[in-house]
Amino acid sequence: MTHGSSSADPDASGAQSFLIEASEQLAAARSMAEVVDVLRRTARSAIGAEGIAIILKDGDLCHYVAEDAIGPLWSGKRSRPIAACRVGRCAMPGPSPSPT
């Protein structure tokens, strides 16, 4: 048996299966709404986060389209100017803003 082999590690095998299934769901999505739904349902588990938000860039605005969290993240904030939100500034060319 080889050390570090994914077949010897059931957690690695489960993670790989999860990622394959999520990838297949994304590939099968036929609309932006379906892509957002797959991301909302799978992203949080994939990275072990307490919450995720799906944010789309729309011109000079950030549009908060979905979230899955233990509590509200940015619910109700539909569109914000890119320069006025940290997520938007991270999406702009150049260095990302540092945490404050």
Protein backbone atom coordinates (compact mmCIF):
# COMPACT_ATOMS: atom_id res chain seq x y z
CA MET A 1 0.00 0.00 0.00
CA THR A 2 1.37 3.44 -0.92
CA HIS A 3 1.57 6.14 1.74
CA GLY A 4 -0.65 9.13 0.94
CA SER A 5 -2.75 7.24 -1.59
CA SER A 6 -6.28 8.62 -1.89
CA SER A 7 -7.68 5.07 -2.05
CA ALA A 8 -6.31 4.46 1.46
CA ASP A 9 -7.92 7.67 2.77
CA PRO A 10 -11.74 7.48 2.91
CA ASP A 11 -12.02 11.22 3.60
CA ALA A 12 -10.06 12.05 0.44
CA SER A 13 -12.22 9.65 -1.55
CA GLY A 14 -15.41 11.26 -0.23
CA ALA A 15 -14.11 14.75 -0.98
CA GLN A 16 -13.20 13.71 -4.50
CA SER A 17 -16.67 12.23 -5.05
CA PHE A 18 -18.27 15.41 -3.70
CA LEU A 19 -16.24 17.59 -6.07
CA ILE A 20 -16.99 15.36 -9.06
CA GLU A 21 -20.72 15.47 -8.29
CA ALA A 22 -20.66 19.27 -7.87
CA SER A 23 -18.73 19.63 -11.14
CA GLU A 24 -21.27 17.47 -12.95
CA GLN A 25 -24.13 19.55 -11.55
CA LEU A 26 -22.42 22.75 -12.72
CA ALA A 27 -21.81 21.27 -16.17
CA ALA A 28 -25.48 20.29 -16.42
CA ALA A 29 -26.74 23.75 -15.41
CA ARG A 30 -28.46 25.51 -18.30
CA SER A 31 -29.05 28.94 -16.77
CA MET A 32 -27.39 31.39 -14.43
CA ALA A 33 -30.09 30.62 -11.86
CA GLU A 34 -29.17 26.91 -11.97
CA VAL A 35 -25.43 27.70 -11.62
CA VAL A 36 -26.14 29.96 -8.63
CA ASP A 37 -28.30 27.24 -7.04
CA VAL A 38 -25.56 24.59 -7.41
CA LEU A 39 -22.95 26.97 -5.98
CA ARG A 40 -25.21 27.94 -3.07
CA ARG A 41 -25.86 24.29 -2.23
CA THR A 42 -22.28 23.00 -2.58
CA ALA A 43 -19.70 25.76 -1.96
CA ARG A 44 -20.16 25.99 1.80
CA SER A 45 -19.65 22.25 2.32
CA ALA A 46 -16.78 22.09 -0.16
CA ILE A 47 -14.64 24.48 1.85
CA GLY A 48 -16.05 23.95 5.34
CA ALA A 49 -17.20 27.55 5.69
CA GLU A 50 -19.78 28.90 8.12
CA GLY A 51 -21.28 30.82 5.24
CA ILE A 52 -20.92 31.74 1.61
CA ALA A 53 -22.32 34.50 -0.54
CA ILE A 54 -22.57 34.45 -4.30
CA ILE A 55 -21.95 37.88 -5.74
CA LEU A 56 -22.04 38.82 -9.39
CA LYS A 57 -20.36 41.84 -10.93
CA ASP A 58 -22.85 43.85 -12.95
CA GLY A 59 -21.10 46.81 -14.55
CA ASP A 60 -19.96 49.01 -11.67
CA LEU A 61 -22.17 47.19 -9.15
CA CYS A 62 -21.92 44.06 -7.02
CA HIS A 63 -25.17 42.12 -6.93
CA TYR A 64 -25.65 39.75 -3.96
CA VAL A 65 -27.63 36.93 -5.57
CA ALA A 66 -27.56 34.10 -3.00
CA GLU A 67 -26.14 32.99 0.30
CA ASP A 68 -26.03 29.98 2.58
CA ALA A 69 -24.93 30.75 6.12
CA ILE A 70 -25.60 30.10 9.80
CA GLY A 71 -26.93 33.67 9.90
CA PRO A 72 -27.64 36.41 7.38
CA LEU A 73 -24.57 37.71 5.57
CA TRP A 74 -25.68 40.32 3.10
CA SER A 75 -29.35 39.46 2.72
CA GLY A 76 -31.32 42.31 1.28
CA LYS A 77 -28.35 44.15 -0.18
CA ARG A 78 -29.13 43.88 -3.84
CA SER A 79 -26.62 46.11 -5.58
CA ARG A 80 -23.72 48.07 -4.20
CA PRO A 81 -21.10 50.09 -6.03
CA ILE A 82 -17.93 48.05 -6.52
CA ALA A 83 -15.80 50.74 -4.89
CA ALA A 84 -18.05 50.73 -1.80
CA CYS A 85 -17.73 47.05 -0.90
CA ARG A 86 -14.76 44.86 -0.05
CA VAL A 87 -15.89 42.07 -2.38
CA GLY A 88 -16.13 44.52 -5.26
CA ARG A 89 -12.69 45.95 -4.57
CA CYS A 90 -11.28 42.39 -4.54
CA ALA A 91 -12.75 41.85 -8.02
CA MET A 92 -11.03 44.95 -9.42
CA PRO A 93 -7.63 44.77 -11.08
CA GLY A 94 -4.65 45.44 -8.85
CA PRO A 95 -3.87 44.46 -5.27
CA SER A 96 -6.73 43.26 -3.08
CA PRO A 97 -7.61 45.40 -0.08
CA SER A 98 -6.09 44.34 3.19
CA PRO A 99 -8.40 43.22 6.01
CA THR A 100 -9.20 45.89 8.58
